[in-house]
Amino acid sequence: MNHEIVLFIIKLILGGIAAFLAIFVMSKTRDASWTFLVAGFLFSYASLVIELMAELGIFDLQAILVGGFPLIPLLCAVIPSAMFITAFIIRLCKKS
């Protein structure tokens, strides 16, 4: 078996556990910062799945171009980070 595929499987398992735990914690807190943090984890996991599908040849990352740049890899990189940044800003602005 290809080493890259094994690495993806490990990432998928650990990412799935992290996403499940994040959803579980969010259901207990119902806080805006936790919601954005969970969304960041879920988008990160989704980008991992998309990356695996592209590696297996199921999905073409170059299908949608915006200004000559592939849109899907850009969104996979930007959205999780934007969610994490938003979560931390909300947490910093929130009074204790």
PDB file of N, CA and C in Angstrom:
ATOM      1  N   MET A   1       0.849  -1.180   0.000  1.00  0.00           N
ATOM      2  CA  MET A   1       0.000   0.000   0.000  1.00  0.00           C
ATOM      3  C   MET A   1       0.894   1.242   0.000  1.00  0.00           C
ATOM      4  N   ASN A   2       0.460   2.245  -0.698  1.00  0.00           N
ATOM      5  CA  ASN A   2       1.203   3.493  -0.812  1.00  0.00           C
ATOM      6  C   ASN A   2       1.281   4.195   0.553  1.00  0.00           C
ATOM      7  N   HIS A   3       2.461   4.709   0.882  1.00  0.00           N
ATOM      8  CA  HIS A   3       2.656   5.368   2.177  1.00  0.00           C
ATOM      9  C   HIS A   3       1.796   6.622   2.320  1.00  0.00           C
ATOM     10  N   GLU A   4       1.555   7.310   1.204  1.00  0.00           N
ATOM     11  CA  GLU A   4       0.719   8.515   1.266  1.00  0.00           C
ATOM     12  C   GLU A   4      -0.715   8.167   1.620  1.00  0.00           C
ATOM     13  N   ILE A   5      -1.205   7.064   1.094  1.00  0.00           N
ATOM     14  CA  ILE A   5      -2.575   6.645   1.389  1.00  0.00           C
ATOM     15  C   ILE A   5      -2.701   6.266   2.865  1.00  0.00           C
ATOM     16  N   VAL A   6      -1.697   5.571   3.395  1.00  0.00           N
ATOM     17  CA  VAL A   6      -1.717   5.204   4.818  1.00  0.00           C
ATOM     18  C   VAL A   6      -1.712   6.461   5.675  1.00  0.00           C
ATOM     19  N   LEU A   7      -0.914   7.455   5.284  1.00  0.00           N
ATOM     20  CA  LEU A   7      -0.879   8.717   6.020  1.00  0.00           C
ATOM     21  C   LEU A   7      -2.234   9.416   5.965  1.00  0.00           C
ATOM     22  N   PHE A   8      -2.889   9.402   4.804  1.00  0.00           N
ATOM     23  CA  PHE A   8      -4.218   9.994   4.689  1.00  0.00           C
ATOM     24  C   PHE A   8      -5.226   9.266   5.575  1.00  0.00           C
ATOM     25  N   ILE A   9      -5.145   7.946   5.619  1.00  0.00           N
ATOM     26  CA  ILE A   9      -6.070   7.177   6.460  1.00  0.00           C
ATOM     27  C   ILE A   9      -5.882   7.543   7.925  1.00  0.00           C
ATOM     28  N   ILE A  10      -4.635   7.679   8.353  1.00  0.00           N
ATOM     29  CA  ILE A  10      -4.362   8.082   9.742  1.00  0.00           C
ATOM     30  C   ILE A  10      -4.913   9.477  10.007  1.00  0.00           C
ATOM     31  N   LYS A  11      -4.696  10.392   9.063  1.00  0.00           N
ATOM     32  CA  LYS A  11      -5.223  11.756   9.217  1.00  0.00           C
ATOM     33  C   LYS A  11      -6.746  11.754   9.274  1.00  0.00           C
ATOM     34  N   LEU A  12      -7.383  10.930   8.438  1.00  0.00           N
ATOM     35  CA  LEU A  12      -8.844  10.860   8.440  1.00  0.00           C
ATOM     36  C   LEU A  12      -9.377  10.326   9.759  1.00  0.00           C
ATOM     37  N   ILE A  13      -8.732   9.299  10.303  1.00  0.00           N
ATOM     38  CA  ILE A  13      -9.187   8.736  11.578  1.00  0.00           C
ATOM     39  C   ILE A  13      -9.029   9.757  12.698  1.00  0.00           C
ATOM     40  N   LEU A  14      -7.853  10.360  12.802  1.00  0.00           N
ATOM     41  CA  LEU A  14      -7.623  11.345  13.869  1.00  0.00           C
ATOM     42  C   LEU A  14      -8.472  12.596  13.671  1.00  0.00           C
ATOM     43  N   GLY A  15      -8.625  13.027  12.425  1.00  0.00           N
ATOM     44  CA  GLY A  15      -9.486  14.182  12.145  1.00  0.00           C
ATOM     45  C   GLY A  15     -10.936  13.898  12.455  1.00  0.00           C
ATOM     46  N   GLY A  16     -11.383  12.692  12.170  1.00  0.00           N
ATOM     47  CA  GLY A  16     -12.756  12.306  12.499  1.00  0.00           C
ATOM     48  C   GLY A  16     -13.004  12.312  13.994  1.00  0.00           C
ATOM     49  N   ILE A  17     -12.031  11.816  14.752  1.00  0.00           N
ATOM     50  CA  ILE A  17     -12.151  11.831  16.215  1.00  0.00           C
ATOM     51  C   ILE A  17     -12.197  13.272  16.719  1.00  0.00           C
ATOM     52  N   ALA A  18     -11.307  14.122  16.182  1.00  0.00           N
ATOM     53  CA  ALA A  18     -11.292  15.529  16.602  1.00  0.00           C
ATOM     54  C   ALA A  18     -12.599  16.232  16.250  1.00  0.00           C
ATOM     55  N   ALA A  19     -13.129  15.970  15.058  1.00  0.00           N
ATOM     56  CA  ALA A  19     -14.389  16.596  14.656  1.00  0.00           C
ATOM     57  C   ALA A  19     -15.539  16.117  15.538  1.00  0.00           C
ATOM     58  N   PHE A  20     -15.580  14.818  15.848  1.00  0.00           N
ATOM     59  CA  PHE A  20     -16.630  14.292  16.715  1.00  0.00           C
ATOM     60  C   PHE A  20     -16.561  14.925  18.098  1.00  0.00           C
ATOM     61  N   LEU A  21     -15.362  14.997  18.670  1.00  0.00           N
ATOM     62  CA  LEU A  21     -15.215  15.589  20.001  1.00  0.00           C
ATOM     63  C   LEU A  21     -15.546  17.076  19.988  1.00  0.00           C
ATOM     64  N   ALA A  22     -15.191  17.757  18.902  1.00  0.00           N
ATOM     65  CA  ALA A  22     -15.507  19.183  18.804  1.00  0.00           C
ATOM     66  C   ALA A  22     -17.017  19.402  18.766  1.00  0.00           C
ATOM     67  N   ILE A  23     -17.731  18.579  18.014  1.00  0.00           N
ATOM     68  CA  ILE A  23     -19.194  18.693  17.971  1.00  0.00           C
ATOM     69  C   ILE A  23     -19.788  18.368  19.335  1.00  0.00           C
ATOM     70  N   PHE A  24     -19.248  17.374  20.002  1.00  0.00           N
ATOM     71  CA  PHE A  24     -19.737  16.999  21.323  1.00  0.00           C
ATOM     72  C   PHE A  24     -19.542  18.135  22.324  1.00  0.00           C
ATOM     73  N   VAL A  25     -18.365  18.779  22.294  1.00  0.00           N
ATOM     74  CA  VAL A  25     -18.101  19.896  23.211  1.00  0.00           C
ATOM     75  C   VAL A  25     -19.007  21.079  22.878  1.00  0.00           C
ATOM     76  N   MET A  26     -19.217  21.331  21.582  1.00  0.00           N
ATOM     77  CA  MET A  26     -20.067  22.454  21.187  1.00  0.00           C
ATOM     78  C   MET A  26     -21.508  22.245  21.668  1.00  0.00           C
ATOM     79  N   SER A  27     -21.975  20.999  21.644  1.00  0.00           N
ATOM     80  CA  SER A  27     -23.338  20.750  22.090  1.00  0.00           C
ATOM     81  C   SER A  27     -23.492  20.997  23.587  1.00  0.00           C
ATOM     82  N   LYS A  28     -22.397  20.959  24.316  1.00  0.00           N
ATOM     83  CA  LYS A  28     -22.435  21.213  25.756  1.00  0.00           C
ATOM     84  C   LYS A  28     -22.324  22.704  26.092  1.00  0.00           C
ATOM     85  N   THR A  29     -21.663  23.503  25.242  1.00  0.00           N
ATOM     86  CA  THR A  29     -21.389  24.890  25.587  1.00  0.00           C
ATOM     87  C   THR A  29     -22.313  25.902  24.917  1.00  0.00           C
ATOM     88  N   ARG A  30     -22.602  25.734  23.631  1.00  0.00           N
ATOM     89  CA  ARG A  30     -23.446  26.665  22.859  1.00  0.00           C
ATOM     90  C   ARG A  30     -22.887  28.097  22.879  1.00  0.00           C
ATOM     91  N   ASP A  31     -21.582  28.220  22.763  1.00  0.00           N
ATOM     92  CA  ASP A  31     -20.909  29.513  22.767  1.00  0.00           C
ATOM     93  C   ASP A  31     -20.499  29.852  21.329  1.00  0.00           C
ATOM     94  N   ALA A  32     -20.548  31.127  20.965  1.00  0.00           N
ATOM     95  CA  ALA A  32     -20.228  31.536  19.595  1.00  0.00           C
ATOM     96  C   ALA A  32     -18.785  31.190  19.238  1.00  0.00           C
ATOM     97  N   SER A  33     -17.861  31.405  20.162  1.00  0.00           N
ATOM     98  CA  SER A  33     -16.465  31.099  19.859  1.00  0.00           C
ATOM     99  C   SER A  33     -16.269  29.600  19.638  1.00  0.00           C
ATOM    100  N   TRP A  34     -16.960  28.773  20.423  1.00  0.00           N
ATOM    101  CA  TRP A  34     -16.868  27.319  20.231  1.00  0.00           C
ATOM    102  C   TRP A  34     -17.486  26.919  18.894  1.00  0.00           C
ATOM    103  N   THR A  35     -18.549  27.594  18.497  1.00  0.00           N
ATOM    104  CA  THR A  35     -19.180  27.288  17.219  1.00  0.00           C
ATOM    105  C   THR A  35     -18.218  27.525  16.063  1.00  0.00           C
ATOM    106  N   PHE A  36     -17.517  28.649  16.086  1.00  0.00           N
ATOM    107  CA  PHE A  36     -16.549  28.929  15.035  1.00  0.00           C
ATOM    108  C   PHE A  36     -15.347  27.985  15.109  1.00  0.00           C
ATOM    109  N   LEU A  37     -14.944  27.607  16.298  1.00  0.00           N
ATOM    110  CA  LEU A  37     -13.844  26.659  16.448  1.00  0.00           C
ATOM    111  C   LEU A  37     -14.232  25.302  15.866  1.00  0.00           C
ATOM    112  N   VAL A  38     -15.430  24.849  16.166  1.00  0.00           N
ATOM    113  CA  VAL A  38     -15.919  23.579  15.620  1.00  0.00           C
ATOM    114  C   VAL A  38     -16.047  23.663  14.105  1.00  0.00           C
ATOM    115  N   ALA A  39     -16.553  24.784  13.603  1.00  0.00           N
ATOM    116  CA  ALA A  39     -16.660  24.958  12.158  1.00  0.00           C
ATOM    117  C   ALA A  39     -15.285  24.899  11.505  1.00  0.00           C
ATOM    118  N   GLY A  40     -14.289  25.469  12.162  1.00  0.00           N
ATOM    119  CA  GLY A  40     -12.922  25.393  11.650  1.00  0.00           C
ATOM    120  C   GLY A  40     -12.423  23.960  11.580  1.00  0.00           C
ATOM    121  N   PHE A  41     -12.692  23.167  12.623  1.00  0.00           N
ATOM    122  CA  PHE A  41     -12.300  21.757  12.608  1.00  0.00           C
ATOM    123  C   PHE A  41     -13.032  20.999  11.504  1.00  0.00           C
ATOM    124  N   LEU A  42     -14.329  21.273  11.354  1.00  0.00           N
ATOM    125  CA  LEU A  42     -15.102  20.561  10.338  1.00  0.00           C
ATOM    126  C   LEU A  42     -14.654  20.921   8.924  1.00  0.00           C
ATOM    127  N   PHE A  43     -14.386  22.198   8.674  1.00  0.00           N
ATOM    128  CA  PHE A  43     -13.880  22.593   7.359  1.00  0.00           C
ATOM    129  C   PHE A  43     -12.490  22.024   7.117  1.00  0.00           C
ATOM    130  N   SER A  44     -11.683  21.942   8.150  1.00  0.00           N
ATOM    131  CA  SER A  44     -10.360  21.343   8.024  1.00  0.00           C
ATOM    132  C   SER A  44     -10.479  19.863   7.661  1.00  0.00           C
ATOM    133  N   TYR A  45     -11.404  19.177   8.298  1.00  0.00           N
ATOM    134  CA  TYR A  45     -11.630  17.762   7.996  1.00  0.00           C
ATOM    135  C   TYR A  45     -12.170  17.599   6.577  1.00  0.00           C
ATOM    136  N   ALA A  46     -13.078  18.480   6.176  1.00  0.00           N
ATOM    137  CA  ALA A  46     -13.621  18.430   4.814  1.00  0.00           C
ATOM    138  C   ALA A  46     -12.527  18.662   3.778  1.00  0.00           C
ATOM    139  N   SER A  47     -11.612  19.575   4.058  1.00  0.00           N
ATOM    140  CA  SER A  47     -10.519  19.813   3.111  1.00  0.00           C
ATOM    141  C   SER A  47      -9.593  18.602   3.028  1.00  0.00           C
ATOM    142  N   LEU A  48      -9.433  17.897   4.132  1.00  0.00           N
ATOM    143  CA  LEU A  48      -8.639  16.663   4.121  1.00  0.00           C
ATOM    144  C   LEU A  48      -9.311  15.602   3.251  1.00  0.00           C
ATOM    145  N   VAL A  49     -10.625  15.483   3.353  1.00  0.00           N
ATOM    146  CA  VAL A  49     -11.371  14.525   2.529  1.00  0.00           C
ATOM    147  C   VAL A  49     -11.266  14.907   1.050  1.00  0.00           C
ATOM    148  N   ILE A  50     -11.389  16.188   0.749  1.00  0.00           N
ATOM    149  CA  ILE A  50     -11.265  16.655  -0.640  1.00  0.00           C
ATOM    150  C   ILE A  50      -9.872  16.377  -1.167  1.00  0.00           C
ATOM    151  N   GLU A  51      -8.861  16.609  -0.344  1.00  0.00           N
ATOM    152  CA  GLU A  51      -7.480  16.338  -0.740  1.00  0.00           C
ATOM    153  C   GLU A  51      -7.268  14.850  -1.016  1.00  0.00           C
ATOM    154  N   LEU A  52      -7.848  13.991  -0.195  1.00  0.00           N
ATOM    155  CA  LEU A  52      -7.742  12.551  -0.411  1.00  0.00           C
ATOM    156  C   LEU A  52      -8.447  12.150  -1.701  1.00  0.00           C
ATOM    157  N   MET A  53      -9.630  12.717  -1.943  1.00  0.00           N
ATOM    158  CA  MET A  53     -10.354  12.404  -3.174  1.00  0.00           C
ATOM    159  C   MET A  53      -9.563  12.851  -4.399  1.00  0.00           C
ATOM    160  N   ALA A  54      -8.873  13.975  -4.303  1.00  0.00           N
ATOM    161  CA  ALA A  54      -8.038  14.441  -5.408  1.00  0.00           C
ATOM    162  C   ALA A  54      -6.840  13.509  -5.597  1.00  0.00           C
ATOM    163  N   GLU A  55      -6.269  13.041  -4.503  1.00  0.00           N
ATOM    164  CA  GLU A  55      -5.128  12.127  -4.573  1.00  0.00           C
ATOM    165  C   GLU A  55      -5.520  10.804  -5.224  1.00  0.00           C
ATOM    166  N   LEU A  56      -6.746  10.349  -4.964  1.00  0.00           N
ATOM    167  CA  LEU A  56      -7.226   9.094  -5.546  1.00  0.00           C
ATOM    168  C   LEU A  56      -7.759   9.271  -6.968  1.00  0.00           C
ATOM    169  N   GLY A  57      -7.840  10.506  -7.441  1.00  0.00           N
ATOM    170  CA  GLY A  57      -8.305  10.767  -8.796  1.00  0.00           C
ATOM    171  C   GLY A  57      -9.814  10.870  -8.926  1.00  0.00           C
ATOM    172  N   ILE A  58     -10.499  10.956  -7.818  1.00  0.00           N
ATOM    173  CA  ILE A  58     -11.958  11.052  -7.829  1.00  0.00           C
ATOM    174  C   ILE A  58     -12.407  12.489  -8.070  1.00  0.00           C
ATOM    175  N   PHE A  59     -11.609  13.426  -7.636  1.00  0.00           N
ATOM    176  CA  PHE A  59     -11.987  14.842  -7.629  1.00  0.00           C
ATOM    177  C   PHE A  59     -10.881  15.647  -8.294  1.00  0.00           C
ATOM    178  N   ASP A  60     -11.239  16.601  -9.135  1.00  0.00           N
ATOM    179  CA  ASP A  60     -10.261  17.448  -9.812  1.00  0.00           C
ATOM    180  C   ASP A  60     -10.204  18.807  -9.120  1.00  0.00           C
ATOM    181  N   LEU A  61      -9.076  19.095  -8.492  1.00  0.00           N
ATOM    182  CA  LEU A  61      -8.922  20.367  -7.777  1.00  0.00           C
ATOM    183  C   LEU A  61      -8.782  21.553  -8.730  1.00  0.00           C
ATOM    184  N   GLN A  62      -8.418  21.288  -9.965  1.00  0.00           N
ATOM    185  CA  GLN A  62      -8.225  22.360 -10.944  1.00  0.00           C
ATOM    186  C   GLN A  62      -9.497  22.659 -11.729  1.00  0.00           C
ATOM    187  N   ALA A  63     -10.635  22.097 -11.322  1.00  0.00           N
ATOM    188  CA  ALA A  63     -11.875  22.227 -12.088  1.00  0.00           C
ATOM    189  C   ALA A  63     -12.389  23.662 -12.127  1.00  0.00           C
ATOM    190  N   ILE A  64     -12.280  24.381 -11.028  1.00  0.00           N
ATOM    191  CA  ILE A  64     -12.800  25.749 -10.957  1.00  0.00           C
ATOM    192  C   ILE A  64     -11.629  26.696 -10.749  1.00  0.00           C
ATOM    193  N   LEU A  65     -11.425  27.566 -11.699  1.00  0.00           N
ATOM    194  CA  LEU A  65     -10.339  28.541 -11.621  1.00  0.00           C
ATOM    195  C   LEU A  65     -10.912  29.942 -11.472  1.00  0.00           C
ATOM    196  N   VAL A  66     -10.314  30.713 -10.584  1.00  0.00           N
ATOM    197  CA  VAL A  66     -10.690  32.106 -10.415  1.00  0.00           C
ATOM    198  C   VAL A  66      -9.411  32.919 -10.582  1.00  0.00           C
ATOM    199  N   GLY A  67      -9.365  33.673 -11.643  1.00  0.00           N
ATOM    200  CA  GLY A  67      -8.163  34.448 -11.925  1.00  0.00           C
ATOM    201  C   GLY A  67      -6.958  33.565 -12.194  1.00  0.00           C
ATOM    202  N   GLY A  68      -7.189  32.385 -12.742  1.00  0.00           N
ATOM    203  CA  GLY A  68      -6.109  31.462 -13.036  1.00  0.00           C
ATOM    204  C   GLY A  68      -5.633  30.654 -11.847  1.00  0.00           C
ATOM    205  N   PHE A  69      -6.289  30.846 -10.706  1.00  0.00           N
ATOM    206  CA  PHE A  69      -5.906  30.130  -9.479  1.00  0.00           C
ATOM    207  C   PHE A  69      -7.020  29.153  -9.118  1.00  0.00           C
ATOM    208  N   PRO A  70      -6.667  27.916  -8.752  1.00  0.00           N
ATOM    209  CA  PRO A  70      -7.718  26.951  -8.394  1.00  0.00           C
ATOM    210  C   PRO A  70      -8.451  27.370  -7.119  1.00  0.00           C
ATOM    211  N   LEU A  71      -9.780  27.439  -7.209  1.00  0.00           N
ATOM    212  CA  LEU A  71     -10.605  27.953  -6.124  1.00  0.00           C
ATOM    213  C   LEU A  71     -10.686  26.985  -4.940  1.00  0.00           C
ATOM    214  N   ILE A  72     -10.834  25.698  -5.208  1.00  0.00           N
ATOM    215  CA  ILE A  72     -11.062  24.734  -4.131  1.00  0.00           C
ATOM    216  C   ILE A  72      -9.882  24.651  -3.165  1.00  0.00           C
ATOM    217  N   PRO A  73      -8.615  24.538  -3.638  1.00  0.00           N
ATOM    218  CA  PRO A  73      -7.507  24.546  -2.674  1.00  0.00           C
ATOM    219  C   PRO A  73      -7.406  25.849  -1.887  1.00  0.00           C
ATOM    220  N   LEU A  74      -7.768  26.959  -2.531  1.00  0.00           N
ATOM    221  CA  LEU A  74      -7.758  28.244  -1.832  1.00  0.00           C
ATOM    222  C   LEU A  74      -8.773  28.243  -0.699  1.00  0.00           C
ATOM    223  N   LEU A  75      -9.989  27.791  -0.983  1.00  0.00           N
ATOM    224  CA  LEU A  75     -11.021  27.744   0.056  1.00  0.00           C
ATOM    225  C   LEU A  75     -10.651  26.762   1.165  1.00  0.00           C
ATOM    226  N   CYS A  76     -10.051  25.635   0.791  1.00  0.00           N
ATOM    227  CA  CYS A  76      -9.642  24.644   1.793  1.00  0.00           C
ATOM    228  C   CYS A  76      -8.561  25.187   2.712  1.00  0.00           C
ATOM    229  N   ALA A  77      -7.772  26.107   2.228  1.00  0.00           N
ATOM    230  CA  ALA A  77      -6.718  26.694   3.056  1.00  0.00           C
ATOM    231  C   ALA A  77      -7.220  27.874   3.878  1.00  0.00           C
ATOM    232  N   VAL A  78      -8.122  28.668   3.306  1.00  0.00           N
ATOM    233  CA  VAL A  78      -8.525  29.921   3.935  1.00  0.00           C
ATOM    234  C   VAL A  78      -9.659  29.753   4.945  1.00  0.00           C
ATOM    235  N   ILE A  79     -10.674  28.967   4.620  1.00  0.00           N
ATOM    236  CA  ILE A  79     -11.868  28.894   5.472  1.00  0.00           C
ATOM    237  C   ILE A  79     -11.563  28.378   6.879  1.00  0.00           C
ATOM    238  N   PRO A  80     -10.815  27.261   7.053  1.00  0.00           N
ATOM    239  CA  PRO A  80     -10.538  26.828   8.435  1.00  0.00           C
ATOM    240  C   PRO A  80      -9.787  27.881   9.245  1.00  0.00           C
ATOM    241  N   SER A  81      -8.791  28.497   8.625  1.00  0.00           N
ATOM    242  CA  SER A  81      -8.031  29.528   9.337  1.00  0.00           C
ATOM    243  C   SER A  81      -8.906  30.723   9.684  1.00  0.00           C
ATOM    244  N   ALA A  82      -9.791  31.116   8.774  1.00  0.00           N
ATOM    245  CA  ALA A  82     -10.692  32.239   9.047  1.00  0.00           C
ATOM    246  C   ALA A  82     -11.634  31.906  10.205  1.00  0.00           C
ATOM    247  N   MET A  83     -12.097  30.667  10.263  1.00  0.00           N
ATOM    248  CA  MET A  83     -12.965  30.252  11.366  1.00  0.00           C
ATOM    249  C   MET A  83     -12.217  30.275  12.697  1.00  0.00           C
ATOM    250  N   PHE A  84     -10.982  29.786  12.699  1.00  0.00           N
ATOM    251  CA  PHE A  84     -10.174  29.798  13.925  1.00  0.00           C
ATOM    252  C   PHE A  84      -9.888  31.222  14.380  1.00  0.00           C
ATOM    253  N   ILE A  85      -9.540  32.083  13.436  1.00  0.00           N
ATOM    254  CA  ILE A  85      -9.271  33.488  13.770  1.00  0.00           C
ATOM    255  C   ILE A  85     -10.515  34.137  14.360  1.00  0.00           C
ATOM    256  N   THR A  86     -11.671  33.893  13.743  1.00  0.00           N
ATOM    257  CA  THR A  86     -12.918  34.459  14.247  1.00  0.00           C
ATOM    258  C   THR A  86     -13.224  33.965  15.655  1.00  0.00           C
ATOM    259  N   ALA A  87     -13.011  32.671  15.890  1.00  0.00           N
ATOM    260  CA  ALA A  87     -13.256  32.104  17.222  1.00  0.00           C
ATOM    261  C   ALA A  87     -12.377  32.765  18.271  1.00  0.00           C
ATOM    262  N   PHE A  88     -11.109  32.953  17.929  1.00  0.00           N
ATOM    263  CA  PHE A  88     -10.200  33.559  18.905  1.00  0.00           C
ATOM    264  C   PHE A  88     -10.499  35.034  19.128  1.00  0.00           C
ATOM    265  N   ILE A  89     -10.910  35.750  18.092  1.00  0.00           N
ATOM    266  CA  ILE A  89     -11.271  37.154  18.254  1.00  0.00           C
ATOM    267  C   ILE A  89     -12.513  37.284  19.141  1.00  0.00           C
ATOM    268  N   ILE A  90     -13.504  36.434  18.902  1.00  0.00           N
ATOM    269  CA  ILE A  90     -14.705  36.450  19.748  1.00  0.00           C
ATOM    270  C   ILE A  90     -14.331  36.173  21.192  1.00  0.00           C
ATOM    271  N   ARG A  91     -13.446  35.200  21.384  1.00  0.00           N
ATOM    272  CA  ARG A  91     -13.028  34.823  22.753  1.00  0.00           C
ATOM    273  C   ARG A  91     -12.272  35.971  23.421  1.00  0.00           C
ATOM    274  N   LEU A  92     -11.432  36.678  22.659  1.00  0.00           N
ATOM    275  CA  LEU A  92     -10.674  37.793  23.226  1.00  0.00           C
ATOM    276  C   LEU A  92     -11.580  38.986  23.548  1.00  0.00           C
ATOM    277  N   CYS A  93     -12.585  39.230  22.709  1.00  0.00           N
ATOM    278  CA  CYS A  93     -13.476  40.360  22.932  1.00  0.00           C
ATOM    279  C   CYS A  93     -14.524  40.099  24.005  1.00  0.00           C
ATOM    280  N   LYS A  94     -14.740  38.839  24.315  1.00  0.00           N
ATOM    281  CA  LYS A  94     -15.753  38.478  25.278  1.00  0.00           C
ATOM    282  C   LYS A  94     -15.257  38.789  26.703  1.00  0.00           C
ATOM    283  N   LYS A  95     -16.128  39.363  27.502  1.00  0.00           N
ATOM    284  CA  LYS A  95     -15.759  39.651  28.882  1.00  0.00           C
ATOM    285  C   LYS A  95     -15.871  38.382  29.711  1.00  0.00           C
ATOM    286  N   SER A  96     -14.961  38.210  30.609  1.00  0.00           N
ATOM    287  CA  SER A  96     -14.952  36.998  31.444  1.00  0.00           C
ATOM    288  C   SER A  96     -16.067  36.956  32.437  1.00  0.00           C
TER     289      SER A  96
END
